[in-house]
Amino acid sequence: MDPESETIKRSLLELNFSVLSVRTRKVYEVILDSGSKKDAELAVRAMCSRLLANPTKDEFEFEVEAFGSSSRAEQD
């Protein structure tokens, strides 16, 4: 159930756009200092659960990647 998306869909239909569905998403990019990928994943999961996502209406997924690892390899 996504009331925001339903409202947007109704409005688009009223404007004569033939949309079948609408989904809204929020995306956060968080850069953090962590000792390992596992520690980073635990921290991000806690951030989402405690602050970034509303458990009554939101689902979340995340991806953890090394910050700047490809640019460092290119510089060497």
PDB file of N, CA and C in Angstrom:
ATOM      1  N   MET A   1       0.826  -1.168   0.000  1.00  0.00           N
ATOM      2  CA  MET A   1       0.000   0.000   0.000  1.00  0.00           C
ATOM      3  C   MET A   1       0.880   1.244   0.000  1.00  0.00           C
ATOM      4  N   ASP A   2       0.699   2.064  -0.994  1.00  0.00           N
ATOM      5  CA  ASP A   2       1.513   3.261  -1.124  1.00  0.00           C
ATOM      6  C   ASP A   2       0.597   4.432  -1.492  1.00  0.00           C
ATOM      7  N   PRO A   3       0.046   5.119  -0.495  1.00  0.00           N
ATOM      8  CA  PRO A   3      -0.896   6.205  -0.771  1.00  0.00           C
ATOM      9  C   PRO A   3      -0.324   7.303  -1.664  1.00  0.00           C
ATOM     10  N   GLU A   4       0.927   7.627  -1.477  1.00  0.00           N
ATOM     11  CA  GLU A   4       1.558   8.663  -2.301  1.00  0.00           C
ATOM     12  C   GLU A   4       1.547   8.259  -3.775  1.00  0.00           C
ATOM     13  N   SER A   5       1.912   7.015  -4.049  1.00  0.00           N
ATOM     14  CA  SER A   5       1.924   6.530  -5.428  1.00  0.00           C
ATOM     15  C   SER A   5       0.523   6.491  -6.023  1.00  0.00           C
ATOM     16  N   GLU A   6      -0.458   6.083  -5.231  1.00  0.00           N
ATOM     17  CA  GLU A   6      -1.841   6.037  -5.715  1.00  0.00           C
ATOM     18  C   GLU A   6      -2.354   7.433  -6.056  1.00  0.00           C
ATOM     19  N   THR A   7      -2.007   8.412  -5.234  1.00  0.00           N
ATOM     20  CA  THR A   7      -2.411   9.796  -5.501  1.00  0.00           C
ATOM     21  C   THR A   7      -1.781  10.294  -6.792  1.00  0.00           C
ATOM     22  N   ILE A   8      -0.513   9.995  -6.986  1.00  0.00           N
ATOM     23  CA  ILE A   8       0.187  10.407  -8.204  1.00  0.00           C
ATOM     24  C   ILE A   8      -0.436   9.719  -9.416  1.00  0.00           C
ATOM     25  N   LYS A   9      -0.728   8.427  -9.288  1.00  0.00           N
ATOM     26  CA  LYS A   9      -1.336   7.693 -10.395  1.00  0.00           C
ATOM     27  C   LYS A   9      -2.684   8.303 -10.773  1.00  0.00           C
ATOM     28  N   ARG A  10      -3.528   8.575  -9.789  1.00  0.00           N
ATOM     29  CA  ARG A  10      -4.827   9.188 -10.079  1.00  0.00           C
ATOM     30  C   ARG A  10      -4.668  10.525 -10.782  1.00  0.00           C
ATOM     31  N   SER A  11      -3.730  11.326 -10.309  1.00  0.00           N
ATOM     32  CA  SER A  11      -3.491  12.632 -10.931  1.00  0.00           C
ATOM     33  C   SER A  11      -3.012  12.497 -12.367  1.00  0.00           C
ATOM     34  N   LEU A  12      -2.136  11.542 -12.616  1.00  0.00           N
ATOM     35  CA  LEU A  12      -1.651  11.325 -13.984  1.00  0.00           C
ATOM     36  C   LEU A  12      -2.783  10.852 -14.898  1.00  0.00           C
ATOM     37  N   LEU A  13      -3.633   9.987 -14.383  1.00  0.00           N
ATOM     38  CA  LEU A  13      -4.777   9.528 -15.170  1.00  0.00           C
ATOM     39  C   LEU A  13      -5.712  10.687 -15.485  1.00  0.00           C
ATOM     40  N   GLU A  14      -5.922  11.566 -14.515  1.00  0.00           N
ATOM     41  CA  GLU A  14      -6.762  12.745 -14.741  1.00  0.00           C
ATOM     42  C   GLU A  14      -6.175  13.677 -15.793  1.00  0.00           C
ATOM     43  N   LEU A  15      -4.853  13.636 -15.938  1.00  0.00           N
ATOM     44  CA  LEU A  15      -4.173  14.438 -16.964  1.00  0.00           C
ATOM     45  C   LEU A  15      -4.073  13.688 -18.292  1.00  0.00           C
ATOM     46  N   ASN A  16      -4.812  12.581 -18.386  1.00  0.00           N
ATOM     47  CA  ASN A  16      -4.892  11.763 -19.606  1.00  0.00           C
ATOM     48  C   ASN A  16      -3.606  11.025 -19.973  1.00  0.00           C
ATOM     49  N   PHE A  17      -2.787  10.721 -18.986  1.00  0.00           N
ATOM     50  CA  PHE A  17      -1.645   9.829 -19.207  1.00  0.00           C
ATOM     51  C   PHE A  17      -2.114   8.416 -18.902  1.00  0.00           C
ATOM     52  N   SER A  18      -1.848   7.483 -19.776  1.00  0.00           N
ATOM     53  CA  SER A  18      -2.329   6.119 -19.536  1.00  0.00           C
ATOM     54  C   SER A  18      -1.256   5.316 -18.781  1.00  0.00           C
ATOM     55  N   VAL A  19      -1.171   5.556 -17.505  1.00  0.00           N
ATOM     56  CA  VAL A  19      -0.211   4.839 -16.655  1.00  0.00           C
ATOM     57  C   VAL A  19      -0.898   3.624 -16.035  1.00  0.00           C
ATOM     58  N   LEU A  20      -0.149   2.565 -15.874  1.00  0.00           N
ATOM     59  CA  LEU A  20      -0.677   1.356 -15.242  1.00  0.00           C
ATOM     60  C   LEU A  20      -0.368   1.319 -13.755  1.00  0.00           C
ATOM     61  N   SER A  21       0.800   1.810 -13.392  1.00  0.00           N
ATOM     62  CA  SER A  21       1.147   1.834 -11.970  1.00  0.00           C
ATOM     63  C   SER A  21       2.229   2.884 -11.722  1.00  0.00           C
ATOM     64  N   VAL A  22       2.337   3.275 -10.481  1.00  0.00           N
ATOM     65  CA  VAL A  22       3.351   4.240 -10.056  1.00  0.00           C
ATOM     66  C   VAL A  22       3.933   3.739  -8.743  1.00  0.00           C
ATOM     67  N   ARG A  23       5.232   3.839  -8.617  1.00  0.00           N
ATOM     68  CA  ARG A  23       5.902   3.545  -7.347  1.00  0.00           C
ATOM     69  C   ARG A  23       6.788   4.715  -6.999  1.00  0.00           C
ATOM     70  N   THR A  24       6.755   5.127  -5.776  1.00  0.00           N
ATOM     71  CA  THR A  24       7.665   6.178  -5.337  1.00  0.00           C
ATOM     72  C   THR A  24       8.786   5.526  -4.536  1.00  0.00           C
ATOM     73  N   ARG A  25       9.949   6.124  -4.617  1.00  0.00           N
ATOM     74  CA  ARG A  25      11.116   5.596  -3.904  1.00  0.00           C
ATOM     75  C   ARG A  25      11.922   6.745  -3.340  1.00  0.00           C
ATOM     76  N   LYS A  26      12.505   6.476  -2.206  1.00  0.00           N
ATOM     77  CA  LYS A  26      13.503   7.383  -1.651  1.00  0.00           C
ATOM     78  C   LYS A  26      14.829   6.640  -1.692  1.00  0.00           C
ATOM     79  N   VAL A  27      15.851   7.351  -2.072  1.00  0.00           N
ATOM     80  CA  VAL A  27      17.181   6.754  -2.142  1.00  0.00           C
ATOM     81  C   VAL A  27      18.117   7.601  -1.301  1.00  0.00           C
ATOM     82  N   TYR A  28      18.835   6.939  -0.428  1.00  0.00           N
ATOM     83  CA  TYR A  28      19.848   7.606   0.389  1.00  0.00           C
ATOM     84  C   TYR A  28      21.209   7.054  -0.012  1.00  0.00           C
ATOM     85  N   GLU A  29      22.170   7.933  -0.109  1.00  0.00           N
ATOM     86  CA  GLU A  29      23.557   7.501  -0.292  1.00  0.00           C
ATOM     87  C   GLU A  29      24.290   7.903   0.970  1.00  0.00           C
ATOM     88  N   VAL A  30      24.801   6.904   1.684  1.00  0.00           N
ATOM     89  CA  VAL A  30      25.477   7.147   2.954  1.00  0.00           C
ATOM     90  C   VAL A  30      26.923   6.695   2.809  1.00  0.00           C
ATOM     91  N   ILE A  31      27.837   7.575   3.102  1.00  0.00           N
ATOM     92  CA  ILE A  31      29.257   7.227   3.105  1.00  0.00           C
ATOM     93  C   ILE A  31      29.676   7.142   4.563  1.00  0.00           C
ATOM     94  N   LEU A  32      30.190   5.989   4.943  1.00  0.00           N
ATOM     95  CA  LEU A  32      30.581   5.829   6.347  1.00  0.00           C
ATOM     96  C   LEU A  32      31.944   5.194   6.469  1.00  0.00           C
ATOM     97  N   ASP A  33      32.511   5.339   7.629  1.00  0.00           N
ATOM     98  CA  ASP A  33      33.815   4.758   7.942  1.00  0.00           C
ATOM     99  C   ASP A  33      33.561   3.455   8.679  1.00  0.00           C
ATOM    100  N   SER A  34      34.033   2.356   8.118  1.00  0.00           N
ATOM    101  CA  SER A  34      33.773   1.053   8.722  1.00  0.00           C
ATOM    102  C   SER A  34      34.995   0.167   8.577  1.00  0.00           C
ATOM    103  N   GLY A  35      35.166  -0.721   9.526  1.00  0.00           N
ATOM    104  CA  GLY A  35      36.313  -1.618   9.507  1.00  0.00           C
ATOM    105  C   GLY A  35      36.189  -2.752   8.514  1.00  0.00           C
ATOM    106  N   SER A  36      34.945  -3.137   8.187  1.00  0.00           N
ATOM    107  CA  SER A  36      34.731  -4.238   7.249  1.00  0.00           C
ATOM    108  C   SER A  36      33.387  -4.084   6.563  1.00  0.00           C
ATOM    109  N   LYS A  37      33.206  -4.862   5.511  1.00  0.00           N
ATOM    110  CA  LYS A  37      31.930  -4.820   4.799  1.00  0.00           C
ATOM    111  C   LYS A  37      30.803  -5.298   5.713  1.00  0.00           C
ATOM    112  N   LYS A  38      31.068  -6.321   6.506  1.00  0.00           N
ATOM    113  CA  LYS A  38      30.046  -6.843   7.422  1.00  0.00           C
ATOM    114  C   LYS A  38      29.634  -5.781   8.437  1.00  0.00           C
ATOM    115  N   ASP A  39      30.604  -5.075   8.998  1.00  0.00           N
ATOM    116  CA  ASP A  39      30.289  -3.997   9.952  1.00  0.00           C
ATOM    117  C   ASP A  39      29.466  -2.898   9.277  1.00  0.00           C
ATOM    118  N   ALA A  40      29.809  -2.574   8.039  1.00  0.00           N
ATOM    119  CA  ALA A  40      29.066  -1.554   7.297  1.00  0.00           C
ATOM    120  C   ALA A  40      27.630  -2.011   7.063  1.00  0.00           C
ATOM    121  N   GLU A  41      27.446  -3.270   6.679  1.00  0.00           N
ATOM    122  CA  GLU A  41      26.101  -3.798   6.461  1.00  0.00           C
ATOM    123  C   GLU A  41      25.266  -3.752   7.739  1.00  0.00           C
ATOM    124  N   LEU A  42      25.867  -4.123   8.860  1.00  0.00           N
ATOM    125  CA  LEU A  42      25.145  -4.064  10.136  1.00  0.00           C
ATOM    126  C   LEU A  42      24.755  -2.636  10.490  1.00  0.00           C
ATOM    127  N   ALA A  43      25.674  -1.710  10.262  1.00  0.00           N
ATOM    128  CA  ALA A  43      25.397  -0.301  10.559  1.00  0.00           C
ATOM    129  C   ALA A  43      24.286   0.245   9.676  1.00  0.00           C
ATOM    130  N   VAL A  44      24.335  -0.057   8.372  1.00  0.00           N
ATOM    131  CA  VAL A  44      23.319   0.452   7.451  1.00  0.00           C
ATOM    132  C   VAL A  44      21.956  -0.160   7.769  1.00  0.00           C
ATOM    133  N   ARG A  45      21.912  -1.443   8.070  1.00  0.00           N
ATOM    134  CA  ARG A  45      20.646  -2.075   8.441  1.00  0.00           C
ATOM    135  C   ARG A  45      20.060  -1.398   9.681  1.00  0.00           C
ATOM    136  N   ALA A  46      20.899  -1.097  10.655  1.00  0.00           N
ATOM    137  CA  ALA A  46      20.427  -0.413  11.866  1.00  0.00           C
ATOM    138  C   ALA A  46      19.935   0.995  11.534  1.00  0.00           C
ATOM    139  N   MET A  47      20.637   1.708  10.663  1.00  0.00           N
ATOM    140  CA  MET A  47      20.206   3.053  10.261  1.00  0.00           C
ATOM    141  C   MET A  47      18.820   3.007   9.628  1.00  0.00           C
ATOM    142  N   CYS A  48      18.632   2.050   8.739  1.00  0.00           N
ATOM    143  CA  CYS A  48      17.333   1.924   8.063  1.00  0.00           C
ATOM    144  C   CYS A  48      16.235   1.570   9.052  1.00  0.00           C
ATOM    145  N   SER A  49      16.500   0.609   9.902  1.00  0.00           N
ATOM    146  CA  SER A  49      15.494   0.157  10.862  1.00  0.00           C
ATOM    147  C   SER A  49      15.140   1.217  11.891  1.00  0.00           C
ATOM    148  N   ARG A  50      16.125   1.981  12.309  1.00  0.00           N
ATOM    149  CA  ARG A  50      15.899   2.938  13.394  1.00  0.00           C
ATOM    150  C   ARG A  50      15.494   4.324  12.937  1.00  0.00           C
ATOM    151  N   LEU A  51      15.835   4.713  11.698  1.00  0.00           N
ATOM    152  CA  LEU A  51      15.565   6.086  11.300  1.00  0.00           C
ATOM    153  C   LEU A  51      15.061   6.246   9.864  1.00  0.00           C
ATOM    154  N   LEU A  52      15.730   5.646   8.908  1.00  0.00           N
ATOM    155  CA  LEU A  52      15.485   5.968   7.511  1.00  0.00           C
ATOM    156  C   LEU A  52      14.206   5.369   6.934  1.00  0.00           C
ATOM    157  N   ALA A  53      13.765   4.232   7.447  1.00  0.00           N
ATOM    158  CA  ALA A  53      12.568   3.580   6.921  1.00  0.00           C
ATOM    159  C   ALA A  53      11.492   3.522   8.002  1.00  0.00           C
ATOM    160  N   ASN A  54      10.255   3.761   7.586  1.00  0.00           N
ATOM    161  CA  ASN A  54       9.108   3.650   8.486  1.00  0.00           C
ATOM    162  C   ASN A  54       8.601   2.210   8.393  1.00  0.00           C
ATOM    163  N   PRO A  55       8.743   1.416   9.449  1.00  0.00           N
ATOM    164  CA  PRO A  55       8.411  -0.008   9.355  1.00  0.00           C
ATOM    165  C   PRO A  55       6.937  -0.290   9.078  1.00  0.00           C
ATOM    166  N   THR A  56       6.052   0.665   9.319  1.00  0.00           N
ATOM    167  CA  THR A  56       4.632   0.427   9.044  1.00  0.00           C
ATOM    168  C   THR A  56       4.295   0.563   7.560  1.00  0.00           C
ATOM    169  N   LYS A  57       5.132   1.255   6.783  1.00  0.00           N
ATOM    170  CA  LYS A  57       4.789   1.429   5.375  1.00  0.00           C
ATOM    171  C   LYS A  57       5.947   1.223   4.412  1.00  0.00           C
ATOM    172  N   ASP A  58       7.150   1.129   4.911  1.00  0.00           N
ATOM    173  CA  ASP A  58       8.316   1.062   4.024  1.00  0.00           C
ATOM    174  C   ASP A  58       9.011  -0.291   4.087  1.00  0.00           C
ATOM    175  N   GLU A  59       9.522  -0.693   2.953  1.00  0.00           N
ATOM    176  CA  GLU A  59      10.480  -1.794   2.866  1.00  0.00           C
ATOM    177  C   GLU A  59      11.797  -1.160   2.450  1.00  0.00           C
ATOM    178  N   PHE A  60      12.900  -1.794   2.775  1.00  0.00           N
ATOM    179  CA  PHE A  60      14.175  -1.218   2.350  1.00  0.00           C
ATOM    180  C   PHE A  60      15.112  -2.307   1.874  1.00  0.00           C
ATOM    181  N   GLU A  61      16.007  -1.887   1.025  1.00  0.00           N
ATOM    182  CA  GLU A  61      17.112  -2.729   0.602  1.00  0.00           C
ATOM    183  C   GLU A  61      18.323  -1.827   0.500  1.00  0.00           C
ATOM    184  N   PHE A  62      19.482  -2.418   0.610  1.00  0.00           N
ATOM    185  CA  PHE A  62      20.689  -1.604   0.537  1.00  0.00           C
ATOM    186  C   PHE A  62      21.798  -2.386  -0.114  1.00  0.00           C
ATOM    187  N   GLU A  63      22.795  -1.631  -0.529  1.00  0.00           N
ATOM    188  CA  GLU A  63      23.978  -2.195  -1.160  1.00  0.00           C
ATOM    189  C   GLU A  63      25.182  -1.524  -0.526  1.00  0.00           C
ATOM    190  N   VAL A  64      26.149  -2.312  -0.148  1.00  0.00           N
ATOM    191  CA  VAL A  64      27.376  -1.777   0.437  1.00  0.00           C
ATOM    192  C   VAL A  64      28.505  -2.017  -0.548  1.00  0.00           C
ATOM    193  N   GLU A  65      29.236  -0.963  -0.859  1.00  0.00           N
ATOM    194  CA  GLU A  65      30.384  -1.105  -1.747  1.00  0.00           C
ATOM    195  C   GLU A  65      31.527  -0.267  -1.208  1.00  0.00           C
ATOM    196  N   ALA A  66      32.715  -0.645  -1.582  1.00  0.00           N
ATOM    197  CA  ALA A  66      33.897   0.100  -1.150  1.00  0.00           C
ATOM    198  C   ALA A  66      33.883   1.470  -1.804  1.00  0.00           C
ATOM    199  N   PHE A  67      34.106   2.483  -1.032  1.00  0.00           N
ATOM    200  CA  PHE A  67      34.099   3.853  -1.532  1.00  0.00           C
ATOM    201  C   PHE A  67      35.415   4.162  -2.217  1.00  0.00           C
ATOM    202  N   GLY A  68      35.346   4.536  -3.490  1.00  0.00           N
ATOM    203  CA  GLY A  68      36.531   4.976  -4.214  1.00  0.00           C
ATOM    204  C   GLY A  68      37.504   3.879  -4.572  1.00  0.00           C
ATOM    205  N   SER A  69      37.121   2.615  -4.426  1.00  0.00           N
ATOM    206  CA  SER A  69      38.077   1.546  -4.709  1.00  0.00           C
ATOM    207  C   SER A  69      38.476   1.509  -6.174  1.00  0.00           C
ATOM    208  N   SER A  70      37.550   1.745  -7.096  1.00  0.00           N
ATOM    209  CA  SER A  70      37.906   1.693  -8.524  1.00  0.00           C
ATOM    210  C   SER A  70      38.771   2.884  -8.912  1.00  0.00           C
ATOM    211  N   SER A  71      38.509   4.069  -8.327  1.00  0.00           N
ATOM    212  CA  SER A  71      39.314   5.232  -8.678  1.00  0.00           C
ATOM    213  C   SER A  71      40.740   5.108  -8.157  1.00  0.00           C
ATOM    214  N   ARG A  72      40.910   4.453  -7.017  1.00  0.00           N
ATOM    215  CA  ARG A  72      42.257   4.243  -6.500  1.00  0.00           C
ATOM    216  C   ARG A  72      43.053   3.330  -7.418  1.00  0.00           C
ATOM    217  N   ALA A  73      42.394   2.271  -7.903  1.00  0.00           N
ATOM    218  CA  ALA A  73      43.082   1.308  -8.785  1.00  0.00           C
ATOM    219  C   ALA A  73      43.503   1.986 -10.081  1.00  0.00           C
ATOM    220  N   GLU A  74      42.664   2.903 -10.587  1.00  0.00           N
ATOM    221  CA  GLU A  74      43.002   3.593 -11.817  1.00  0.00           C
ATOM    222  C   GLU A  74      44.162   4.555 -11.628  1.00  0.00           C
ATOM    223  N   GLN A  75      44.331   5.105 -10.441  1.00  0.00           N
ATOM    224  CA  GLN A  75      45.394   6.061 -10.185  1.00  0.00           C
ATOM    225  C   GLN A  75      46.757   5.404 -10.036  1.00  0.00           C
ATOM    226  N   ASP A  76      46.762   4.125  -9.596  1.00  0.00           N
ATOM    227  CA  ASP A  76      48.041   3.424  -9.360  1.00  0.00           C
ATOM    228  C   ASP A  76      48.748   3.020 -10.622  1.00  0.00           C
TER     229      ASP A  76
END
